[in-house]
Amino acid sequence: MADENKLPVKEEKKTKKTVKNVKKTEQKTAVQPKENKPTRRLTTKNEWDVLSHSLMTEKSIGLIEKENKLVFIVNLKATKPEIKGAVEKAFDVSVDSVTTSITRKGQKKAFVKISQGHSASEIATRLGML
């Protein structure tokens, strides 16, 4: 009967001890000197090697009318100065600026702003966009 008067004993749960401030051993390797990478310049003879085709979407037509800009799909390796030179040579216009972006499809899109002396809509009609 003495066992009935005893309170139930809680079983102690075993806890895992965490170890703090453990130093990890790092492997030391010899530092290799960095090599100079060659520039990604595109060696072209023709401006149409840089410019693939013009892009005709609602947004690009709006840019032609509002901001005097043309939109082209260009070679991935083409730089902004190469794109500028190709547009100036192909259409006999002066270019103010070039902005590029990579699309989700992996293509490079170039937004070319034509200077005020020339009209982007004239070039678009020559290309058959308007």
Protein backbone atom coordinates (compact mmCIF):
# COMPACT_ATOMS: atom_id res chain seq x y z
CA MET A 1 0.00 0.00 0.00
CA ALA A 2 2.93 2.27 0.32
CA ASP A 3 3.34 2.12 -3.43
CA GLU A 4 -0.08 3.66 -3.98
CA ASN A 5 0.81 6.85 -2.08
CA LYS A 6 3.85 7.58 -4.26
CA LEU A 7 3.53 10.20 -6.96
CA PRO A 8 4.22 9.11 -10.51
CA VAL A 9 7.81 9.72 -11.49
CA LYS A 10 8.44 11.62 -14.72
CA GLU A 11 10.90 9.99 -16.99
CA GLU A 12 13.78 12.25 -17.92
CA LYS A 13 14.29 12.77 -21.62
CA LYS A 14 17.80 12.56 -22.87
CA THR A 15 18.88 15.75 -24.59
CA LYS A 16 21.61 16.03 -27.11
CA LYS A 17 24.41 18.34 -26.23
CA THR A 18 25.50 20.74 -28.93
CA VAL A 19 29.14 21.46 -29.34
CA LYS A 20 29.98 25.10 -29.95
CA ASN A 21 33.05 26.79 -31.37
CA VAL A 22 34.33 23.85 -33.35
CA LYS A 23 37.17 24.83 -35.62
CA LYS A 24 37.05 23.35 -39.07
CA THR A 25 40.28 22.36 -40.67
CA GLU A 26 40.80 24.09 -43.98
CA GLN A 27 42.86 22.70 -46.75
CA LYS A 28 45.48 25.10 -47.89
CA THR A 29 46.13 25.14 -51.60
CA ALA A 30 48.60 27.08 -53.61
CA VAL A 31 47.15 30.30 -55.01
CA GLN A 32 47.16 30.26 -58.78
CA PRO A 33 47.82 33.57 -60.54
CA LYS A 34 44.84 34.90 -62.48
CA GLU A 35 45.14 34.85 -66.22
CA ASN A 36 44.11 37.84 -68.26
CA LYS A 37 40.99 36.93 -70.18
CA PRO A 38 40.78 38.12 -73.75
CA THR A 39 38.08 40.65 -74.50
CA ARG A 40 34.83 39.43 -76.02
CA ARG A 41 35.10 41.56 -79.11
CA LEU A 42 33.33 40.39 -82.16
CA THR A 43 35.52 40.46 -85.23
CA THR A 44 33.15 41.31 -88.04
CA LYS A 45 33.44 42.65 -91.52
CA ASN A 46 29.73 43.22 -92.03
CA GLU A 47 27.32 45.22 -89.85
CA TRP A 48 24.67 42.52 -90.31
CA ASP A 49 26.90 40.08 -88.42
CA VAL A 50 26.20 42.28 -85.37
CA LEU A 51 22.55 43.12 -86.08
CA SER A 52 20.43 39.99 -86.42
CA HIS A 53 17.01 41.54 -87.06
CA SER A 54 14.74 44.33 -85.92
CA LEU A 55 12.13 43.59 -83.29
CA MET A 56 8.55 44.50 -84.10
CA THR A 57 6.34 44.42 -81.01
CA GLU A 58 3.81 46.88 -79.62
CA LYS A 59 6.38 48.17 -77.16
CA SER A 60 9.07 48.66 -79.80
CA ILE A 61 6.68 50.54 -82.10
CA GLY A 62 5.72 52.77 -79.16
CA LEU A 63 9.42 53.46 -78.53
CA ILE A 64 9.88 54.46 -82.18
CA GLU A 65 7.08 57.00 -81.97
CA LYS A 66 7.66 58.38 -78.46
CA GLU A 67 11.41 58.16 -77.78
CA ASN A 68 12.98 57.90 -81.27
CA LYS A 69 14.42 54.44 -80.44
CA LEU A 70 14.84 51.30 -82.51
CA VAL A 71 14.94 47.79 -81.05
CA PHE A 72 17.18 45.08 -82.53
CA ILE A 73 18.08 41.51 -81.68
CA VAL A 74 21.87 41.43 -81.88
CA ASN A 75 24.72 38.95 -81.58
CA LEU A 76 25.38 37.88 -77.98
CA LYS A 77 29.07 38.76 -78.25
CA ALA A 78 28.43 42.24 -79.66
CA THR A 79 29.40 45.17 -77.44
CA LYS A 80 27.62 48.51 -77.24
CA PRO A 81 30.22 50.36 -79.37
CA GLU A 82 30.00 47.63 -82.02
CA ILE A 83 26.19 47.88 -82.07
CA LYS A 84 26.40 51.66 -82.33
CA GLY A 85 28.86 51.45 -85.23
CA ALA A 86 26.79 48.83 -87.04
CA VAL A 87 23.58 50.91 -86.85
CA GLU A 88 25.39 54.07 -87.95
CA LYS A 89 26.98 52.25 -90.89
CA ALA A 90 23.83 50.37 -91.96
CA PHE A 91 21.38 53.29 -91.86
CA ASP A 92 23.63 56.41 -92.20
CA VAL A 93 22.38 57.97 -88.95
CA SER A 94 24.04 59.12 -85.75
CA VAL A 95 23.29 57.21 -82.55
CA ASP A 96 23.02 58.84 -79.12
CA SER A 97 23.02 55.78 -76.89
CA VAL A 98 22.69 52.00 -76.83
CA THR A 99 21.10 50.00 -74.02
CA THR A 100 21.24 46.20 -74.03
CA SER A 101 19.52 43.41 -72.15
CA ILE A 102 19.40 39.63 -72.32
CA THR A 103 15.94 38.14 -72.90
CA ARG A 104 14.58 35.01 -71.27
CA LYS A 105 15.16 33.18 -74.53
CA GLY A 106 18.88 33.97 -74.25
CA GLN A 107 18.95 36.59 -76.98
CA LYS A 108 20.53 40.02 -76.67
CA LYS A 109 18.15 42.91 -77.26
CA ALA A 110 19.54 46.36 -78.07
CA PHE A 111 17.60 49.61 -77.64
CA VAL A 112 19.24 52.16 -79.95
CA LYS A 113 18.39 55.85 -79.47
CA ILE A 114 18.70 57.80 -82.71
CA SER A 115 19.86 61.44 -82.52
CA GLN A 116 17.35 64.26 -83.05
CA GLY A 117 18.59 65.07 -86.55
CA HIS A 118 17.27 61.74 -87.82
CA SER A 119 13.96 59.95 -87.50
CA ALA A 120 13.57 56.39 -86.23
CA SER A 121 10.22 56.12 -88.01
CA GLU A 122 11.91 56.62 -91.39
CA ILE A 123 14.32 53.78 -90.66
CA ALA A 124 11.41 51.63 -89.44
CA THR A 125 9.53 52.19 -92.70
CA ARG A 126 12.68 51.23 -94.65
CA LEU A 127 12.81 48.02 -92.61
CA GLY A 128 9.09 47.37 -93.20
CA MET A 129 8.11 47.75 -89.56
CA LEU A 130 5.61 50.60 -90.07
